[in-house]
Amino acid sequence: MRVRVDMTLCQTHAQCVFAAPEVFTLDDNDELVYDAAPADASWPAVEQAARACPVQAIIL
Protein backbone atom coordinates (compact mmCIF):
# COMPACT_ATOMS: atom_id res chain seq x y z
CA MET A 1 0.00 0.00 0.00
CA ARG A 2 0.96 3.60 -0.46
CA VAL A 3 0.62 6.76 1.60
CA ARG A 4 0.09 10.24 0.25
CA VAL A 5 -0.20 13.48 2.18
CA ASP A 6 -2.09 16.36 0.62
CA MET A 7 0.41 19.09 1.43
CA THR A 8 -2.15 21.77 0.57
CA LEU A 9 -4.24 20.53 3.51
CA CYS A 10 -1.42 19.65 5.91
CA GLN A 11 -0.99 22.24 8.65
CA THR A 12 1.91 20.42 10.33
CA HIS A 13 0.06 19.60 13.54
CA ALA A 14 2.42 16.58 13.60
CA GLN A 15 -0.11 14.14 15.04
CA CYS A 16 1.06 11.68 12.38
CA VAL A 17 4.63 12.01 13.67
CA PHE A 18 3.48 10.96 17.15
CA ALA A 19 1.37 8.08 15.80
CA ALA A 20 3.88 6.68 13.30
CA PRO A 21 7.36 8.18 13.78
CA GLU A 22 8.91 5.46 11.60
CA VAL A 23 6.92 6.82 8.63
CA PHE A 24 6.32 10.54 9.33
CA THR A 25 8.96 13.03 10.50
CA LEU A 26 9.59 16.76 10.50
CA ASP A 27 12.69 18.09 8.78
CA ASP A 28 14.92 20.91 10.05
CA ASN A 29 12.41 23.45 8.71
CA ASP A 30 9.47 21.74 10.47
CA GLU A 31 8.14 20.51 7.13
CA LEU A 32 6.54 17.09 6.98
CA VAL A 33 8.58 14.31 5.37
CA TYR A 34 7.15 10.81 4.97
CA ASP A 35 7.77 7.38 3.50
CA ALA A 36 5.21 6.92 0.71
CA ALA A 37 5.70 3.13 0.72
CA PRO A 38 6.15 2.07 4.35
CA ALA A 39 6.76 -1.51 5.43
CA ASP A 40 3.71 -3.69 5.99
CA ALA A 41 4.47 -3.83 9.71
CA SER A 42 3.98 -0.04 9.90
CA TRP A 43 0.41 -0.06 8.55
CA PRO A 44 -1.42 -0.17 11.91
CA ALA A 45 0.50 2.97 12.97
CA VAL A 46 -0.06 4.62 9.57
CA GLU A 47 -3.81 3.99 9.83
CA GLN A 48 -3.77 5.50 13.33
CA ALA A 49 -1.88 8.51 11.96
CA ALA A 50 -4.51 8.99 9.25
CA ARG A 51 -7.28 8.91 11.86
CA ALA A 52 -5.36 11.33 14.09
CA CYS A 53 -4.81 13.95 11.38
CA PRO A 54 -7.07 16.90 12.32
CA VAL A 55 -7.37 18.03 8.70
CA GLN A 56 -7.56 14.54 7.14
CA ALA A 57 -4.57 15.23 4.88
CA ILE A 58 -3.31 11.62 4.89
CA ILE A 59 -4.61 9.48 2.04
CA LEU A 60 -4.12 5.71 2.15
PDB file of N, CA and C in Angstrom:
ATOM      1  N   MET A   1       0.831  -1.189   0.000  1.00  0.00           N
ATOM      2  CA  MET A   1       0.000   0.000   0.000  1.00  0.00           C
ATOM      3  C   MET A   1       0.874   1.250   0.000  1.00  0.00           C
ATOM      4  N   ARG A   2       0.238   2.331  -0.355  1.00  0.00           N
ATOM      5  CA  ARG A   2       0.963   3.599  -0.461  1.00  0.00           C
ATOM      6  C   ARG A   2       0.292   4.648   0.415  1.00  0.00           C
ATOM      7  N   VAL A   3       1.086   5.623   0.798  1.00  0.00           N
ATOM      8  CA  VAL A   3       0.623   6.756   1.598  1.00  0.00           C
ATOM      9  C   VAL A   3       0.857   8.021   0.787  1.00  0.00           C
ATOM     10  N   ARG A   4      -0.097   8.928   0.860  1.00  0.00           N
ATOM     11  CA  ARG A   4       0.085  10.239   0.253  1.00  0.00           C
ATOM     12  C   ARG A   4      -0.434  11.270   1.240  1.00  0.00           C
ATOM     13  N   VAL A   5       0.251  12.374   1.337  1.00  0.00           N
ATOM     14  CA  VAL A   5      -0.197  13.480   2.179  1.00  0.00           C
ATOM     15  C   VAL A   5      -0.498  14.654   1.269  1.00  0.00           C
ATOM     16  N   ASP A   6      -1.705  15.168   1.378  1.00  0.00           N
ATOM     17  CA  ASP A   6      -2.088  16.359   0.621  1.00  0.00           C
ATOM     18  C   ASP A   6      -1.459  17.557   1.332  1.00  0.00           C
ATOM     19  N   MET A   7      -0.349  18.019   0.786  1.00  0.00           N
ATOM     20  CA  MET A   7       0.406  19.091   1.433  1.00  0.00           C
ATOM     21  C   MET A   7      -0.322  20.437   1.384  1.00  0.00           C
ATOM     22  N   THR A   8      -1.349  20.541   0.557  1.00  0.00           N
ATOM     23  CA  THR A   8      -2.150  21.775   0.572  1.00  0.00           C
ATOM     24  C   THR A   8      -3.085  21.791   1.772  1.00  0.00           C
ATOM     25  N   LEU A   9      -3.405  20.616   2.300  1.00  0.00           N
ATOM     26  CA  LEU A   9      -4.238  20.528   3.505  1.00  0.00           C
ATOM     27  C   LEU A   9      -3.417  20.487   4.789  1.00  0.00           C
ATOM     28  N   CYS A  10      -2.248  19.861   4.713  1.00  0.00           N
ATOM     29  CA  CYS A  10      -1.417  19.655   5.905  1.00  0.00           C
ATOM     30  C   CYS A  10      -1.072  20.991   6.565  1.00  0.00           C
ATOM     31  N   GLN A  11      -1.316  21.037   7.871  1.00  0.00           N
ATOM     32  CA  GLN A  11      -0.993  22.237   8.651  1.00  0.00           C
ATOM     33  C   GLN A  11       0.107  21.955   9.667  1.00  0.00           C
ATOM     34  N   THR A  12       0.771  20.839   9.511  1.00  0.00           N
ATOM     35  CA  THR A  12       1.909  20.425  10.332  1.00  0.00           C
ATOM     36  C   THR A  12       1.575  20.388  11.822  1.00  0.00           C
ATOM     37  N   HIS A  13       0.407  19.825  12.137  1.00  0.00           N
ATOM     38  CA  HIS A  13       0.062  19.597  13.544  1.00  0.00           C
ATOM     39  C   HIS A  13       0.923  18.483  14.130  1.00  0.00           C
ATOM     40  N   ALA A  14       1.468  17.644  13.256  1.00  0.00           N
ATOM     41  CA  ALA A  14       2.415  16.575  13.600  1.00  0.00           C
ATOM     42  C   ALA A  14       1.803  15.429  14.398  1.00  0.00           C
ATOM     43  N   GLN A  15       0.504  15.283  14.370  1.00  0.00           N
ATOM     44  CA  GLN A  15      -0.114  14.144  15.035  1.00  0.00           C
ATOM     45  C   GLN A  15       0.334  12.838  14.383  1.00  0.00           C
ATOM     46  N   CYS A  16       0.575  12.869  13.088  1.00  0.00           N
ATOM     47  CA  CYS A  16       1.062  11.680  12.384  1.00  0.00           C
ATOM     48  C   CYS A  16       2.455  11.290  12.866  1.00  0.00           C
ATOM     49  N   VAL A  17       3.269  12.269  13.186  1.00  0.00           N
ATOM     50  CA  VAL A  17       4.627  12.007  13.671  1.00  0.00           C
ATOM     51  C   VAL A  17       4.574  11.265  15.002  1.00  0.00           C
ATOM     52  N   PHE A  18       3.633  11.647  15.860  1.00  0.00           N
ATOM     53  CA  PHE A  18       3.482  10.964  17.149  1.00  0.00           C
ATOM     54  C   PHE A  18       2.921   9.555  16.965  1.00  0.00           C
ATOM     55  N   ALA A  19       2.005   9.381  16.005  1.00  0.00           N
ATOM     56  CA  ALA A  19       1.366   8.080  15.798  1.00  0.00           C
ATOM     57  C   ALA A  19       2.260   7.090  15.064  1.00  0.00           C
ATOM     58  N   ALA A  20       3.049   7.570  14.115  1.00  0.00           N
ATOM     59  CA  ALA A  20       3.883   6.679  13.302  1.00  0.00           C
ATOM     60  C   ALA A  20       5.227   7.333  12.992  1.00  0.00           C
ATOM     61  N   PRO A  21       6.081   7.477  13.990  1.00  0.00           N
ATOM     62  CA  PRO A  21       7.361   8.175  13.781  1.00  0.00           C
ATOM     63  C   PRO A  21       8.304   7.465  12.821  1.00  0.00           C
ATOM     64  N   GLU A  22       8.072   6.179  12.558  1.00  0.00           N
ATOM     65  CA  GLU A  22       8.912   5.465  11.602  1.00  0.00           C
ATOM     66  C   GLU A  22       8.541   5.806  10.155  1.00  0.00           C
ATOM     67  N   VAL A  23       7.399   6.474   9.979  1.00  0.00           N
ATOM     68  CA  VAL A  23       6.923   6.823   8.635  1.00  0.00           C
ATOM     69  C   VAL A  23       6.895   8.333   8.422  1.00  0.00           C
ATOM     70  N   PHE A  24       6.471   9.085   9.438  1.00  0.00           N
ATOM     71  CA  PHE A  24       6.321  10.536   9.328  1.00  0.00           C
ATOM     72  C   PHE A  24       7.325  11.236  10.244  1.00  0.00           C
ATOM     73  N   THR A  25       8.007  12.238   9.709  1.00  0.00           N
ATOM     74  CA  THR A  25       8.956  13.034  10.499  1.00  0.00           C
ATOM     75  C   THR A  25       8.856  14.493  10.068  1.00  0.00           C
ATOM     76  N   LEU A  26       9.460  15.350  10.860  1.00  0.00           N
ATOM     77  CA  LEU A  26       9.587  16.756  10.501  1.00  0.00           C
ATOM     78  C   LEU A  26      11.049  17.026  10.201  1.00  0.00           C
ATOM     79  N   ASP A  27      11.314  17.767   9.134  1.00  0.00           N
ATOM     80  CA  ASP A  27      12.694  18.092   8.784  1.00  0.00           C
ATOM     81  C   ASP A  27      13.168  19.297   9.603  1.00  0.00           C
ATOM     82  N   ASP A  28      14.335  19.786   9.300  1.00  0.00           N
ATOM     83  CA  ASP A  28      14.919  20.906  10.050  1.00  0.00           C
ATOM     84  C   ASP A  28      14.115  22.189   9.932  1.00  0.00           C
ATOM     85  N   ASN A  29      13.264  22.275   8.907  1.00  0.00           N
ATOM     86  CA  ASN A  29      12.406  23.454   8.714  1.00  0.00           C
ATOM     87  C   ASN A  29      10.986  23.217   9.204  1.00  0.00           C
ATOM     88  N   ASP A  30      10.790  22.141   9.972  1.00  0.00           N
ATOM     89  CA  ASP A  30       9.470  21.742  10.472  1.00  0.00           C
ATOM     90  C   ASP A  30       8.479  21.460   9.357  1.00  0.00           C
ATOM     91  N   GLU A  31       8.980  20.956   8.243  1.00  0.00           N
ATOM     92  CA  GLU A  31       8.136  20.514   7.128  1.00  0.00           C
ATOM     93  C   GLU A  31       7.975  18.998   7.237  1.00  0.00           C
ATOM     94  N   LEU A  32       6.795  18.511   6.908  1.00  0.00           N
ATOM     95  CA  LEU A  32       6.536  17.085   6.983  1.00  0.00           C
ATOM     96  C   LEU A  32       7.276  16.329   5.882  1.00  0.00           C
ATOM     97  N   VAL A  33       7.908  15.230   6.279  1.00  0.00           N
ATOM     98  CA  VAL A  33       8.579  14.306   5.371  1.00  0.00           C
ATOM     99  C   VAL A  33       8.016  12.929   5.714  1.00  0.00           C
ATOM    100  N   TYR A  34       7.729  12.115   4.682  1.00  0.00           N
ATOM    101  CA  TYR A  34       7.146  10.808   4.973  1.00  0.00           C
ATOM    102  C   TYR A  34       7.588   9.767   3.951  1.00  0.00           C
ATOM    103  N   ASP A  35       7.464   8.520   4.361  1.00  0.00           N
ATOM    104  CA  ASP A  35       7.773   7.379   3.502  1.00  0.00           C
ATOM    105  C   ASP A  35       6.481   7.004   2.780  1.00  0.00           C
ATOM    106  N   ALA A  36       6.426   7.181   1.488  1.00  0.00           N
ATOM    107  CA  ALA A  36       5.214   6.917   0.712  1.00  0.00           C
ATOM    108  C   ALA A  36       4.917   5.424   0.571  1.00  0.00           C
ATOM    109  N   ALA A  37       5.895   4.582   0.834  1.00  0.00           N
ATOM    110  CA  ALA A  37       5.705   3.131   0.723  1.00  0.00           C
ATOM    111  C   ALA A  37       6.275   2.454   1.970  1.00  0.00           C
ATOM    112  N   PRO A  38       5.608   2.636   3.106  1.00  0.00           N
ATOM    113  CA  PRO A  38       6.146   2.066   4.351  1.00  0.00           C
ATOM    114  C   PRO A  38       6.019   0.538   4.385  1.00  0.00           C
ATOM    115  N   ALA A  39       6.796  -0.059   5.254  1.00  0.00           N
ATOM    116  CA  ALA A  39       6.763  -1.512   5.434  1.00  0.00           C
ATOM    117  C   ALA A  39       5.382  -1.944   5.926  1.00  0.00           C
ATOM    118  N   ASP A  40       5.013  -3.160   5.581  1.00  0.00           N
ATOM    119  CA  ASP A  40       3.709  -3.691   5.988  1.00  0.00           C
ATOM    120  C   ASP A  40       3.515  -3.634   7.502  1.00  0.00           C
ATOM    121  N   ALA A  41       4.565  -3.846   8.249  1.00  0.00           N
ATOM    122  CA  ALA A  41       4.466  -3.827   9.708  1.00  0.00           C
ATOM    123  C   ALA A  41       4.088  -2.452  10.255  1.00  0.00           C
ATOM    124  N   SER A  42       4.289  -1.406   9.468  1.00  0.00           N
ATOM    125  CA  SER A  42       3.980  -0.038   9.900  1.00  0.00           C
ATOM    126  C   SER A  42       2.525   0.345   9.675  1.00  0.00           C
ATOM    127  N   TRP A  43       1.757  -0.478   8.932  1.00  0.00           N
ATOM    128  CA  TRP A  43       0.406  -0.064   8.547  1.00  0.00           C
ATOM    129  C   TRP A  43      -0.541   0.211   9.707  1.00  0.00           C
ATOM    130  N   PRO A  44      -0.530  -0.547  10.802  1.00  0.00           N
ATOM    131  CA  PRO A  44      -1.422  -0.168  11.907  1.00  0.00           C
ATOM    132  C   PRO A  44      -1.137   1.255  12.416  1.00  0.00           C
ATOM    133  N   ALA A  45       0.134   1.616  12.519  1.00  0.00           N
ATOM    134  CA  ALA A  45       0.496   2.965  12.970  1.00  0.00           C
ATOM    135  C   ALA A  45       0.130   4.009  11.922  1.00  0.00           C
ATOM    136  N   VAL A  46       0.297   3.683  10.645  1.00  0.00           N
ATOM    137  CA  VAL A  46      -0.065   4.617   9.570  1.00  0.00           C
ATOM    138  C   VAL A  46      -1.574   4.874   9.580  1.00  0.00           C
ATOM    139  N   GLU A  47      -2.352   3.825   9.759  1.00  0.00           N
ATOM    140  CA  GLU A  47      -3.807   3.990   9.826  1.00  0.00           C
ATOM    141  C   GLU A  47      -4.198   4.849  11.020  1.00  0.00           C
ATOM    142  N   GLN A  48      -3.520   4.658  12.145  1.00  0.00           N
ATOM    143  CA  GLN A  48      -3.767   5.498  13.325  1.00  0.00           C
ATOM    144  C   GLN A  48      -3.400   6.947  13.026  1.00  0.00           C
ATOM    145  N   ALA A  49      -2.309   7.153  12.325  1.00  0.00           N
ATOM    146  CA  ALA A  49      -1.884   8.509  11.961  1.00  0.00           C
ATOM    147  C   ALA A  49      -2.935   9.182  11.082  1.00  0.00           C
ATOM    148  N   ALA A  50      -3.477   8.437  10.125  1.00  0.00           N
ATOM    149  CA  ALA A  50      -4.510   8.990   9.246  1.00  0.00           C
ATOM    150  C   ALA A  50      -5.744   9.398  10.045  1.00  0.00           C
ATOM    151  N   ARG A  51      -6.120   8.569  11.015  1.00  0.00           N
ATOM    152  CA  ARG A  51      -7.280   8.909  11.860  1.00  0.00           C
ATOM    153  C   ARG A  51      -6.983  10.104  12.753  1.00  0.00           C
ATOM    154  N   ALA A  52      -5.721  10.252  13.170  1.00  0.00           N
ATOM    155  CA  ALA A  52      -5.362  11.333  14.090  1.00  0.00           C
ATOM    156  C   ALA A  52      -5.198  12.679  13.416  1.00  0.00           C
ATOM    157  N   CYS A  53      -5.043  12.689  12.099  1.00  0.00           N
ATOM    158  CA  CYS A  53      -4.811  13.950  11.381  1.00  0.00           C
ATOM    159  C   CYS A  53      -6.040  14.850  11.505  1.00  0.00           C
ATOM    160  N   PRO A  54      -5.903  16.029  12.121  1.00  0.00           N
ATOM    161  CA  PRO A  54      -7.068  16.900  12.319  1.00  0.00           C
ATOM    162  C   PRO A  54      -7.644  17.478  11.040  1.00  0.00           C
ATOM    163  N   VAL A  55      -6.865  17.488   9.962  1.00  0.00           N
ATOM    164  CA  VAL A  55      -7.369  18.031   8.699  1.00  0.00           C
ATOM    165  C   VAL A  55      -7.551  16.957   7.629  1.00  0.00           C
ATOM    166  N   GLN A  56      -7.362  15.685   8.038  1.00  0.00           N
ATOM    167  CA  GLN A  56      -7.556  14.544   7.142  1.00  0.00           C
ATOM    168  C   GLN A  56      -6.727  14.667   5.853  1.00  0.00           C
ATOM    169  N   ALA A  57      -5.459  15.029   6.014  1.00  0.00           N
ATOM    170  CA  ALA A  57      -4.573  15.229   4.880  1.00  0.00           C
ATOM    171  C   ALA A  57      -3.888  13.941   4.414  1.00  0.00           C
ATOM    172  N   ILE A  58      -3.991  12.874   5.217  1.00  0.00           N
ATOM    173  CA  ILE A  58      -3.308  11.620   4.889  1.00  0.00           C
ATOM    174  C   ILE A  58      -4.257  10.724   4.101  1.00  0.00           C
ATOM    175  N   ILE A  59      -3.806  10.311   2.927  1.00  0.00           N
ATOM    176  CA  ILE A  59      -4.607   9.475   2.040  1.00  0.00           C
ATOM    177  C   ILE A  59      -3.925   8.114   1.924  1.00  0.00           C
ATOM    178  N   LEU A  60      -4.668   7.067   2.214  1.00  0.00           N
ATOM    179  CA  LEU A  60      -4.122   5.711   2.147  1.00  0.00           C
ATOM    180  C   LEU A  60      -4.613   5.014   0.896  1.00  0.00           C
TER     181      LEU A  60
END
